[in-house]
């Protein structure tokens, strides 16, 4: 018997083109990956991957990381992931 995870809501982090995000999103859209992309987060406001996520109608968030302690950035990311039940 294969055990299935209870939560298949994904949070995807990207900072550029988002080629891995695109591959995951395509698999979700085709039904080959039984999951839901709950949120796509980027630390680059004009990242092409973030624009692609918006074009697909997905929830997105921009969380700047520059001149911010790593712990503060991580805390903000975790807060957004929790807000979207990832």
PDB file of N, CA and C in Angstrom:
ATOM      1  N   UNK A   1       0.848  -1.188   0.000  1.00  0.00           N
ATOM      2  CA  UNK A   1       0.000   0.000   0.000  1.00  0.00           C
ATOM      3  C   UNK A   1       0.885   1.240   0.000  1.00  0.00           C
ATOM      4  N   UNK A   2       0.650   2.130  -0.943  1.00  0.00           N
ATOM      5  CA  UNK A   2       1.413   3.359  -1.052  1.00  0.00           C
ATOM      6  C   UNK A   2       0.743   4.450  -0.214  1.00  0.00           C
ATOM      7  N   UNK A   3       1.506   5.104   0.626  1.00  0.00           N
ATOM      8  CA  UNK A   3       0.969   6.177   1.469  1.00  0.00           C
ATOM      9  C   UNK A   3       1.047   7.484   0.703  1.00  0.00           C
ATOM     10  N   UNK A   4      -0.073   8.177   0.637  1.00  0.00           N
ATOM     11  CA  UNK A   4      -0.150   9.453  -0.058  1.00  0.00           C
ATOM     12  C   UNK A   4      -0.065  10.601   0.940  1.00  0.00           C
ATOM     13  N   UNK A   5       0.698  11.642   0.617  1.00  0.00           N
ATOM     14  CA  UNK A   5       0.721  12.811   1.498  1.00  0.00           C
ATOM     15  C   UNK A   5      -0.651  13.478   1.541  1.00  0.00           C
ATOM     16  N   UNK A   6      -1.017  13.988   2.706  1.00  0.00           N
ATOM     17  CA  UNK A   6      -2.331  14.605   2.879  1.00  0.00           C
ATOM     18  C   UNK A   6      -2.427  15.943   2.155  1.00  0.00           C
ATOM     19  N   UNK A   7      -1.338  16.674   2.087  1.00  0.00           N
ATOM     20  CA  UNK A   7      -1.366  18.021   1.533  1.00  0.00           C
ATOM     21  C   UNK A   7      -0.525  18.061   0.267  1.00  0.00           C
ATOM     22  N   UNK A   8      -1.155  18.301  -0.848  1.00  0.00           N
ATOM     23  CA  UNK A   8      -0.438  18.387  -2.116  1.00  0.00           C
ATOM     24  C   UNK A   8      -0.470  19.806  -2.661  1.00  0.00           C
ATOM     25  N   UNK A   9      -0.517  20.766  -1.764  1.00  0.00           N
ATOM     26  CA  UNK A   9      -0.470  22.172  -2.149  1.00  0.00           C
ATOM     27  C   UNK A   9       0.989  22.598  -2.182  1.00  0.00           C
ATOM     28  N   UNK A  10       1.409  23.106  -3.330  1.00  0.00           N
ATOM     29  CA  UNK A  10       2.807  23.452  -3.528  1.00  0.00           C
ATOM     30  C   UNK A  10       3.040  24.945  -3.424  1.00  0.00           C
ATOM     31  N   UNK A  11       4.158  25.300  -2.848  1.00  0.00           N
ATOM     32  CA  UNK A  11       4.680  26.657  -2.864  1.00  0.00           C
ATOM     33  C   UNK A  11       5.967  26.618  -3.652  1.00  0.00           C
ATOM     34  N   UNK A  12       6.059  27.411  -4.691  1.00  0.00           N
ATOM     35  CA  UNK A  12       7.230  27.392  -5.563  1.00  0.00           C
ATOM     36  C   UNK A  12       7.976  28.706  -5.417  1.00  0.00           C
ATOM     37  N   UNK A  13       9.286  28.598  -5.184  1.00  0.00           N
ATOM     38  CA  UNK A  13      10.153  29.761  -5.059  1.00  0.00           C
ATOM     39  C   UNK A  13      10.981  29.888  -6.329  1.00  0.00           C
ATOM     40  N   UNK A  14      11.073  31.089  -6.871  1.00  0.00           N
ATOM     41  CA  UNK A  14      11.884  31.305  -8.065  1.00  0.00           C
ATOM     42  C   UNK A  14      12.481  32.697  -8.033  1.00  0.00           C
ATOM     43  N   UNK A  15      13.525  32.882  -8.842  1.00  0.00           N
ATOM     44  CA  UNK A  15      14.141  34.207  -8.900  1.00  0.00           C
ATOM     45  C   UNK A  15      14.461  34.635 -10.324  1.00  0.00           C
ATOM     46  N   UNK A  16      14.110  33.808 -11.291  1.00  0.00           N
ATOM     47  CA  UNK A  16      14.418  34.141 -12.685  1.00  0.00           C
ATOM     48  C   UNK A  16      13.333  33.681 -13.617  1.00  0.00           C
ATOM     49  N   UNK A  17      13.759  32.969 -14.674  1.00  0.00           N
ATOM     50  CA  UNK A  17      12.823  32.492 -15.695  1.00  0.00           C
ATOM     51  C   UNK A  17      11.782  31.543 -15.149  1.00  0.00           C
ATOM     52  N   UNK A  18      12.167  30.752 -14.177  1.00  0.00           N
ATOM     53  CA  UNK A  18      11.218  29.807 -13.610  1.00  0.00           C
ATOM     54  C   UNK A  18      11.048  28.570 -14.460  1.00  0.00           C
ATOM     55  N   UNK A  19      12.128  28.076 -15.079  1.00  0.00           N
ATOM     56  CA  UNK A  19      12.006  26.906 -15.951  1.00  0.00           C
ATOM     57  C   UNK A  19      11.545  25.671 -15.176  1.00  0.00           C
ATOM     58  N   UNK A  20      12.002  25.499 -13.955  1.00  0.00           N
ATOM     59  CA  UNK A  20      11.524  24.368 -13.148  1.00  0.00           C
ATOM     60  C   UNK A  20      10.056  24.569 -12.785  1.00  0.00           C
ATOM     61  N   UNK A  21       9.687  25.798 -12.455  1.00  0.00           N
ATOM     62  CA  UNK A  21       8.283  26.109 -12.175  1.00  0.00           C
ATOM     63  C   UNK A  21       7.423  25.753 -13.379  1.00  0.00           C
ATOM     64  N   UNK A  22       7.857  26.144 -14.587  1.00  0.00           N
ATOM     65  CA  UNK A  22       7.091  25.863 -15.802  1.00  0.00           C
ATOM     66  C   UNK A  22       6.877  24.362 -15.971  1.00  0.00           C
ATOM     67  N   UNK A  23       7.919  23.582 -15.735  1.00  0.00           N
ATOM     68  CA  UNK A  23       7.807  22.125 -15.877  1.00  0.00           C
ATOM     69  C   UNK A  23       6.807  21.561 -14.871  1.00  0.00           C
ATOM     70  N   UNK A  24       6.863  22.040 -13.639  1.00  0.00           N
ATOM     71  CA  UNK A  24       5.927  21.577 -12.610  1.00  0.00           C
ATOM     72  C   UNK A  24       4.506  22.006 -12.968  1.00  0.00           C
ATOM     73  N   UNK A  25       4.336  23.259 -13.354  1.00  0.00           N
ATOM     74  CA  UNK A  25       3.004  23.776 -13.689  1.00  0.00           C
ATOM     75  C   UNK A  25       2.406  23.017 -14.871  1.00  0.00           C
ATOM     76  N   UNK A  26       3.223  22.691 -15.854  1.00  0.00           N
ATOM     77  CA  UNK A  26       2.729  21.923 -17.004  1.00  0.00           C
ATOM     78  C   UNK A  26       2.270  20.531 -16.579  1.00  0.00           C
ATOM     79  N   UNK A  27       3.014  19.902 -15.684  1.00  0.00           N
ATOM     80  CA  UNK A  27       2.638  18.557 -15.210  1.00  0.00           C
ATOM     81  C   UNK A  27       1.354  18.619 -14.376  1.00  0.00           C
ATOM     82  N   UNK A  28       1.208  19.653 -13.564  1.00  0.00           N
ATOM     83  CA  UNK A  28      -0.024  19.817 -12.787  1.00  0.00           C
ATOM     84  C   UNK A  28      -1.203  20.026 -13.742  1.00  0.00           C
ATOM     85  N   UNK A  29      -1.028  20.913 -14.723  1.00  0.00           N
ATOM     86  CA  UNK A  29      -2.103  21.225 -15.669  1.00  0.00           C
ATOM     87  C   UNK A  29      -2.521  20.004 -16.488  1.00  0.00           C
ATOM     88  N   UNK A  30      -1.569  19.143 -16.801  1.00  0.00           N
ATOM     89  CA  UNK A  30      -1.882  17.963 -17.615  1.00  0.00           C
ATOM     90  C   UNK A  30      -2.439  16.805 -16.788  1.00  0.00           C
ATOM     91  N   UNK A  31      -2.404  16.948 -15.468  1.00  0.00           N
ATOM     92  CA  UNK A  31      -2.884  15.881 -14.608  1.00  0.00           C
ATOM     93  C   UNK A  31      -1.836  14.825 -14.306  1.00  0.00           C
ATOM     94  N   UNK A  32      -0.628  15.007 -14.817  1.00  0.00           N
ATOM     95  CA  UNK A  32       0.450  14.042 -14.571  1.00  0.00           C
ATOM     96  C   UNK A  32       1.021  14.172 -13.166  1.00  0.00           C
ATOM     97  N   UNK A  33       0.789  15.311 -12.536  1.00  0.00           N
ATOM     98  CA  UNK A  33       1.216  15.534 -11.154  1.00  0.00           C
ATOM     99  C   UNK A  33      -0.018  15.906 -10.349  1.00  0.00           C
ATOM    100  N   UNK A  34      -0.374  15.057  -9.410  1.00  0.00           N
ATOM    101  CA  UNK A  34      -1.557  15.269  -8.598  1.00  0.00           C
ATOM    102  C   UNK A  34      -1.227  16.242  -7.473  1.00  0.00           C
ATOM    103  N   UNK A  35      -1.293  17.524  -7.792  1.00  0.00           N
ATOM    104  CA  UNK A  35      -0.964  18.574  -6.832  1.00  0.00           C
ATOM    105  C   UNK A  35      -1.612  19.870  -7.298  1.00  0.00           C
ATOM    106  N   UNK A  36      -1.515  20.851  -6.434  1.00  0.00           N
ATOM    107  CA  UNK A  36      -2.043  22.188  -6.737  1.00  0.00           C
ATOM    108  C   UNK A  36      -0.953  23.196  -6.398  1.00  0.00           C
ATOM    109  N   UNK A  37      -0.710  24.133  -7.292  1.00  0.00           N
ATOM    110  CA  UNK A  37       0.244  25.200  -6.995  1.00  0.00           C
ATOM    111  C   UNK A  37      -0.526  26.283  -6.262  1.00  0.00           C
ATOM    112  N   UNK A  38      -0.240  26.404  -4.970  1.00  0.00           N
ATOM    113  CA  UNK A  38      -0.972  27.345  -4.125  1.00  0.00           C
ATOM    114  C   UNK A  38      -0.402  28.756  -4.213  1.00  0.00           C
ATOM    115  N   UNK A  39       0.916  28.865  -4.397  1.00  0.00           N
ATOM    116  CA  UNK A  39       1.568  30.168  -4.411  1.00  0.00           C
ATOM    117  C   UNK A  39       2.910  30.057  -5.114  1.00  0.00           C
ATOM    118  N   UNK A  40       3.253  31.085  -5.864  1.00  0.00           N
ATOM    119  CA  UNK A  40       4.575  31.206  -6.474  1.00  0.00           C
ATOM    120  C   UNK A  40       5.199  32.472  -5.895  1.00  0.00           C
ATOM    121  N   UNK A  41       6.378  32.320  -5.322  1.00  0.00           N
ATOM    122  CA  UNK A  41       7.046  33.420  -4.619  1.00  0.00           C
ATOM    123  C   UNK A  41       8.365  33.734  -5.307  1.00  0.00           C
ATOM    124  N   UNK A  42       8.653  35.022  -5.435  1.00  0.00           N
ATOM    125  CA  UNK A  42       9.938  35.436  -5.987  1.00  0.00           C
ATOM    126  C   UNK A  42      10.513  36.580  -5.172  1.00  0.00           C
ATOM    127  N   UNK A  43      11.840  36.614  -5.129  1.00  0.00           N
ATOM    128  CA  UNK A  43      12.525  37.736  -4.494  1.00  0.00           C
ATOM    129  C   UNK A  43      12.945  38.770  -5.541  1.00  0.00           C
ATOM    130  N   UNK A  44      12.531  38.545  -6.785  1.00  0.00           N
ATOM    131  CA  UNK A  44      12.803  39.480  -7.881  1.00  0.00           C
ATOM    132  C   UNK A  44      11.456  39.936  -8.432  1.00  0.00           C
ATOM    133  N   UNK A  45      11.168  41.216  -8.265  1.00  0.00           N
ATOM    134  CA  UNK A  45       9.839  41.738  -8.595  1.00  0.00           C
ATOM    135  C   UNK A  45       9.440  41.504 -10.051  1.00  0.00           C
ATOM    136  N   UNK A  46      10.381  41.650 -10.971  1.00  0.00           N
ATOM    137  CA  UNK A  46      10.046  41.501 -12.393  1.00  0.00           C
ATOM    138  C   UNK A  46      10.584  40.193 -12.977  1.00  0.00           C
ATOM    139  N   UNK A  47      10.667  39.160 -12.162  1.00  0.00           N
ATOM    140  CA  UNK A  47      11.122  37.848 -12.634  1.00  0.00           C
ATOM    141  C   UNK A  47      10.154  37.318 -13.695  1.00  0.00           C
ATOM    142  N   UNK A  48      10.664  36.880 -14.833  1.00  0.00           N
ATOM    143  CA  UNK A  48       9.780  36.321 -15.869  1.00  0.00           C
ATOM    144  C   UNK A  48       8.928  35.155 -15.364  1.00  0.00           C
ATOM    145  N   UNK A  49       9.467  34.352 -14.468  1.00  0.00           N
ATOM    146  CA  UNK A  49       8.703  33.231 -13.920  1.00  0.00           C
ATOM    147  C   UNK A  49       7.490  33.703 -13.130  1.00  0.00           C
ATOM    148  N   UNK A  50       7.623  34.823 -12.440  1.00  0.00           N
ATOM    149  CA  UNK A  50       6.508  35.383 -11.680  1.00  0.00           C
ATOM    150  C   UNK A  50       5.424  35.882 -12.642  1.00  0.00           C
ATOM    151  N   UNK A  51       5.845  36.515 -13.719  1.00  0.00           N
ATOM    152  CA  UNK A  51       4.887  36.976 -14.734  1.00  0.00           C
ATOM    153  C   UNK A  51       4.170  35.787 -15.367  1.00  0.00           C
ATOM    154  N   UNK A  52       4.892  34.708 -15.609  1.00  0.00           N
ATOM    155  CA  UNK A  52       4.290  33.502 -16.178  1.00  0.00           C
ATOM    156  C   UNK A  52       3.254  32.910 -15.223  1.00  0.00           C
ATOM    157  N   UNK A  53       3.575  32.895 -13.936  1.00  0.00           N
ATOM    158  CA  UNK A  53       2.630  32.378 -12.940  1.00  0.00           C
ATOM    159  C   UNK A  53       1.355  33.229 -12.923  1.00  0.00           C
ATOM    160  N   UNK A  54       1.526  34.546 -12.985  1.00  0.00           N
ATOM    161  CA  UNK A  54       0.356  35.441 -13.021  1.00  0.00           C
ATOM    162  C   UNK A  54      -0.481  35.176 -14.264  1.00  0.00           C
ATOM    163  N   UNK A  55       0.176  34.963 -15.403  1.00  0.00           N
ATOM    164  CA  UNK A  55      -0.536  34.694 -16.656  1.00  0.00           C
ATOM    165  C   UNK A  55      -1.318  33.385 -16.579  1.00  0.00           C
ATOM    166  N   UNK A  56      -0.843  32.446 -15.771  1.00  0.00           N
ATOM    167  CA  UNK A  56      -1.548  31.171 -15.586  1.00  0.00           C
ATOM    168  C   UNK A  56      -2.669  31.298 -14.556  1.00  0.00           C
ATOM    169  N   UNK A  57      -2.822  32.477 -13.976  1.00  0.00           N
ATOM    170  CA  UNK A  57      -3.874  32.695 -12.990  1.00  0.00           C
ATOM    171  C   UNK A  57      -3.531  32.190 -11.600  1.00  0.00           C
ATOM    172  N   UNK A  58      -2.250  32.003 -11.328  1.00  0.00           N
ATOM    173  CA  UNK A  58      -1.823  31.498 -10.019  1.00  0.00           C
ATOM    174  C   UNK A  58      -1.574  32.640  -9.045  1.00  0.00           C
ATOM    175  N   UNK A  59      -1.692  32.338  -7.759  1.00  0.00           N
ATOM    176  CA  UNK A  59      -1.353  33.307  -6.719  1.00  0.00           C
ATOM    177  C   UNK A  59       0.144  33.546  -6.740  1.00  0.00           C
ATOM    178  N   UNK A  60       0.541  34.799  -6.626  1.00  0.00           N
ATOM    179  CA  UNK A  60       1.955  35.139  -6.615  1.00  0.00           C
ATOM    180  C   UNK A  60       2.252  36.099  -5.473  1.00  0.00           C
ATOM    181  N   UNK A  61       3.521  36.104  -5.083  1.00  0.00           N
ATOM    182  CA  UNK A  61       3.973  37.046  -4.055  1.00  0.00           C
ATOM    183  C   UNK A  61       5.404  37.453  -4.363  1.00  0.00           C
ATOM    184  N   UNK A  62       5.663  38.720  -4.204  1.00  0.00           N
ATOM    185  CA  UNK A  62       7.017  39.257  -4.312  1.00  0.00           C
ATOM    186  C   UNK A  62       7.480  39.571  -2.900  1.00  0.00           C
ATOM    187  N   UNK A  63       8.580  38.971  -2.497  1.00  0.00           N
ATOM    188  CA  UNK A  63       9.159  39.218  -1.180  1.00  0.00           C
ATOM    189  C   UNK A  63      10.604  39.641  -1.392  1.00  0.00           C
ATOM    190  N   UNK A  64      10.885  40.929  -1.272  1.00  0.00           N
ATOM    191  CA  UNK A  64      12.262  41.380  -1.492  1.00  0.00           C
ATOM    192  C   UNK A  64      13.212  40.814  -0.440  1.00  0.00           C
ATOM    193  N   UNK A  65      14.430  40.517  -0.885  1.00  0.00           N
ATOM    194  CA  UNK A  65      15.416  39.960   0.041  1.00  0.00           C
ATOM    195  C   UNK A  65      16.632  40.866   0.219  1.00  0.00           C
ATOM    196  N   UNK A  66      16.774  41.845  -0.616  1.00  0.00           N
ATOM    197  CA  UNK A  66      17.942  42.728  -0.550  1.00  0.00           C
ATOM    198  C   UNK A  66      17.958  43.540   0.738  1.00  0.00           C
ATOM    199  N   UNK A  67      19.141  43.645   1.291  1.00  0.00           N
ATOM    200  CA  UNK A  67      19.401  44.431   2.505  1.00  0.00           C
ATOM    201  C   UNK A  67      18.460  44.042   3.640  1.00  0.00           C
ATOM    202  N   UNK A  68      18.210  42.757   3.733  1.00  0.00           N
ATOM    203  CA  UNK A  68      17.333  42.230   4.774  1.00  0.00           C
ATOM    204  C   UNK A  68      18.036  41.013   5.361  1.00  0.00           C
ATOM    205  N   UNK A  69      18.069  40.879   6.679  1.00  0.00           N
ATOM    206  CA  UNK A  69      18.670  39.669   7.258  1.00  0.00           C
ATOM    207  C   UNK A  69      17.976  38.410   6.735  1.00  0.00           C
ATOM    208  N   UNK A  70      18.767  37.383   6.487  1.00  0.00           N
ATOM    209  CA  UNK A  70      18.236  36.133   5.926  1.00  0.00           C
ATOM    210  C   UNK A  70      17.087  35.581   6.761  1.00  0.00           C
ATOM    211  N   UNK A  71      17.218  35.684   8.089  1.00  0.00           N
ATOM    212  CA  UNK A  71      16.175  35.166   8.975  1.00  0.00           C
ATOM    213  C   UNK A  71      14.852  35.898   8.760  1.00  0.00           C
ATOM    214  N   UNK A  72      14.920  37.197   8.527  1.00  0.00           N
ATOM    215  CA  UNK A  72      13.699  37.973   8.283  1.00  0.00           C
ATOM    216  C   UNK A  72      13.048  37.563   6.963  1.00  0.00           C
ATOM    217  N   UNK A  73      13.872  37.391   5.932  1.00  0.00           N
ATOM    218  CA  UNK A  73      13.350  36.957   4.632  1.00  0.00           C
ATOM    219  C   UNK A  73      12.703  35.585   4.761  1.00  0.00           C
ATOM    220  N   UNK A  74      13.408  34.659   5.399  1.00  0.00           N
ATOM    221  CA  UNK A  74      12.866  33.304   5.572  1.00  0.00           C
ATOM    222  C   UNK A  74      11.549  33.332   6.331  1.00  0.00           C
ATOM    223  N   UNK A  75      11.480  34.164   7.359  1.00  0.00           N
ATOM    224  CA  UNK A  75      10.251  34.278   8.161  1.00  0.00           C
ATOM    225  C   UNK A  75       9.088  34.756   7.288  1.00  0.00           C
ATOM    226  N   UNK A  76       9.340  35.729   6.423  1.00  0.00           N
ATOM    227  CA  UNK A  76       8.292  36.239   5.532  1.00  0.00           C
ATOM    228  C   UNK A  76       7.834  35.167   4.546  1.00  0.00           C
ATOM    229  N   UNK A  77       8.787  34.414   4.005  1.00  0.00           N
ATOM    230  CA  UNK A  77       8.436  33.343   3.073  1.00  0.00           C
ATOM    231  C   UNK A  77       7.567  32.302   3.774  1.00  0.00           C
ATOM    232  N   UNK A  78       7.977  31.896   4.957  1.00  0.00           N
ATOM    233  CA  UNK A  78       7.213  30.895   5.707  1.00  0.00           C
ATOM    234  C   UNK A  78       5.812  31.404   6.019  1.00  0.00           C
ATOM    235  N   UNK A  79       5.699  32.670   6.349  1.00  0.00           N
ATOM    236  CA  UNK A  79       4.383  33.257   6.637  1.00  0.00           C
ATOM    237  C   UNK A  79       3.461  33.168   5.417  1.00  0.00           C
ATOM    238  N   UNK A  80       3.990  33.478   4.240  1.00  0.00           N
ATOM    239  CA  UNK A  80       3.188  33.413   3.014  1.00  0.00           C
ATOM    240  C   UNK A  80       2.826  31.963   2.694  1.00  0.00           C
ATOM    241  N   UNK A  81       3.767  31.047   2.855  1.00  0.00           N
ATOM    242  CA  UNK A  81       3.478  29.632   2.605  1.00  0.00           C
ATOM    243  C   UNK A  81       2.366  29.143   3.530  1.00  0.00           C
ATOM    244  N   UNK A  82       2.442  29.509   4.793  1.00  0.00           N
ATOM    245  CA  UNK A  82       1.394  29.087   5.749  1.00  0.00           C
ATOM    246  C   UNK A  82       0.048  29.708   5.399  1.00  0.00           C
ATOM    247  N   UNK A  83       0.073  30.979   4.997  1.00  0.00           N
ATOM    248  CA  UNK A  83      -1.170  31.663   4.625  1.00  0.00           C
ATOM    249  C   UNK A  83      -1.881  30.934   3.484  1.00  0.00           C
ATOM    250  N   UNK A  84      -1.090  30.292   2.616  1.00  0.00           N
ATOM    251  CA  UNK A  84      -1.659  29.571   1.480  1.00  0.00           C
ATOM    252  C   UNK A  84      -1.741  28.067   1.723  1.00  0.00           C
ATOM    253  N   UNK A  85      -1.603  27.685   2.992  1.00  0.00           N
ATOM    254  CA  UNK A  85      -1.761  26.282   3.410  1.00  0.00           C
ATOM    255  C   UNK A  85      -0.851  25.318   2.636  1.00  0.00           C
ATOM    256  N   UNK A  86       0.395  25.731   2.498  1.00  0.00           N
ATOM    257  CA  UNK A  86       1.380  24.880   1.824  1.00  0.00           C
ATOM    258  C   UNK A  86       2.036  24.007   2.874  1.00  0.00           C
TER     259      UNK A  86
END
